[in-house]
Amino acid sequence: MTENEVASTNSIFLKQAVYDLLNELIHYNGVLRENKSGSELKEIINNKFVKICKHYLSIGQNELELLEREAFEIGEIAYLMHYRLPDFFKDIMLLH
């Protein structure tokens, strides 16, 4: 496998990871809107939101490594991660 094929494969995995993250956020947003007690919300935030944040950080780290290998060419994933990720993720992070 050539270096370009590896980079392309990594990019495909990162794209899927971003879309998976988006789906997690949409589901999480729906769970937060359900009528829950304070203790239930605290447990959801402590478990699910922390998992989502770790997923986001992992994608960001993988994208940084990919950027370093590709001479800092900004790709679709970097654009999605930093500019197109839904605003509600940022809002939820600030609220939490």
Protein backbone atom coordinates (compact mmCIF):
# COMPACT_ATOMS: atom_id res chain seq x y z
CA MET A 1 0.00 0.00 0.00
CA THR A 2 1.43 3.38 -0.99
CA GLU A 3 1.62 6.41 1.31
CA ASN A 4 -1.19 8.10 -0.63
CA GLU A 5 -3.41 5.02 -0.26
CA VAL A 6 -2.74 4.97 3.49
CA ALA A 7 -3.58 8.68 3.77
CA SER A 8 -6.74 8.15 1.74
CA THR A 9 -7.78 5.20 3.91
CA ASN A 10 -7.12 7.22 7.07
CA SER A 11 -9.17 10.07 5.67
CA ILE A 12 -12.10 7.73 4.98
CA PHE A 13 -11.97 6.41 8.56
CA LEU A 14 -11.86 9.97 9.90
CA LYS A 15 -14.86 11.00 7.79
CA GLN A 16 -16.83 8.07 9.16
CA ALA A 17 -15.73 8.97 12.69
CA VAL A 18 -16.99 12.54 12.23
CA TYR A 19 -20.36 11.30 10.96
CA ASP A 20 -20.55 8.83 13.86
CA LEU A 21 -19.82 11.69 16.26
CA LEU A 22 -22.55 13.77 14.69
CA ASN A 23 -25.03 10.91 15.14
CA GLU A 24 -23.94 10.52 18.78
CA LEU A 25 -24.54 14.24 19.34
CA ILE A 26 -27.98 14.13 17.76
CA HIS A 27 -28.94 11.14 19.93
CA TYR A 28 -27.46 12.77 23.03
CA ASN A 29 -29.37 15.98 22.36
CA GLY A 30 -32.58 13.94 22.19
CA VAL A 31 -31.79 12.19 25.47
CA LEU A 32 -31.20 15.53 27.19
CA ARG A 33 -34.59 16.78 26.04
CA GLU A 34 -36.37 13.87 27.71
CA ASN A 35 -37.93 14.48 31.08
CA LYS A 36 -35.28 13.20 33.51
CA SER A 37 -34.55 13.72 37.17
CA GLY A 38 -31.48 15.68 38.24
CA SER A 39 -29.62 12.52 39.26
CA GLU A 40 -30.43 10.84 35.94
CA LEU A 41 -29.18 13.85 34.00
CA LYS A 42 -26.01 13.93 36.06
CA GLU A 43 -25.37 10.25 35.30
CA ILE A 44 -26.03 10.78 31.58
CA ILE A 45 -23.68 13.74 31.47
CA ASN A 46 -20.97 11.92 33.42
CA ASN A 47 -21.13 8.86 31.17
CA LYS A 48 -22.35 9.72 27.70
CA PHE A 49 -21.07 13.27 27.37
CA VAL A 50 -17.60 12.33 28.58
CA LYS A 51 -17.57 9.53 25.99
CA ILE A 52 -18.60 11.98 23.26
CA CYS A 53 -15.87 14.43 24.31
CA LYS A 54 -13.24 11.69 24.24
CA HIS A 55 -14.45 10.67 20.77
CA TYR A 56 -14.18 14.30 19.60
CA LEU A 57 -10.65 14.63 21.02
CA SER A 58 -9.61 11.35 19.41
CA ILE A 59 -10.85 12.51 16.00
CA GLY A 60 -9.03 15.81 16.45
CA GLN A 61 -5.79 14.04 17.35
CA ASN A 62 -6.08 11.70 14.37
CA GLU A 63 -6.74 14.67 12.08
CA LEU A 64 -3.68 16.48 13.45
CA GLU A 65 -1.51 13.43 12.76
CA LEU A 66 -2.94 13.21 9.24
CA LEU A 67 -2.28 16.92 8.66
CA GLU A 68 1.32 16.49 9.79
CA ARG A 69 1.84 13.67 7.30
CA GLU A 70 0.20 15.61 4.47
CA ALA A 71 2.27 18.79 4.88
CA PHE A 72 -0.51 20.67 6.67
CA GLU A 73 -2.99 20.61 3.82
CA ILE A 74 -6.39 21.37 5.30
CA GLY A 75 -8.74 18.59 4.29
CA GLU A 76 -12.43 17.93 4.47
CA ILE A 77 -12.22 16.40 7.95
CA ALA A 78 -10.47 19.41 9.44
CA TYR A 79 -13.12 21.61 7.87
CA LEU A 80 -15.92 19.43 9.24
CA MET A 81 -14.36 19.26 12.70
CA HIS A 82 -13.72 22.97 13.11
CA TYR A 83 -16.30 24.74 10.99
CA ARG A 84 -19.27 22.51 10.25
CA LEU A 85 -19.69 20.61 13.48
CA PRO A 86 -23.15 21.53 14.79
CA ASP A 87 -23.31 24.54 17.07
CA PHE A 88 -25.33 22.59 19.61
CA PHE A 89 -22.18 20.59 20.44
CA LYS A 90 -20.40 23.78 21.42
CA ASP A 91 -23.47 24.97 23.31
CA ILE A 92 -23.75 21.68 25.19
CA MET A 93 -20.06 21.76 26.08
CA LEU A 94 -20.40 25.26 27.52
CA LEU A 95 -23.51 24.33 29.50
CA HIS A 96 -21.93 21.21 30.93
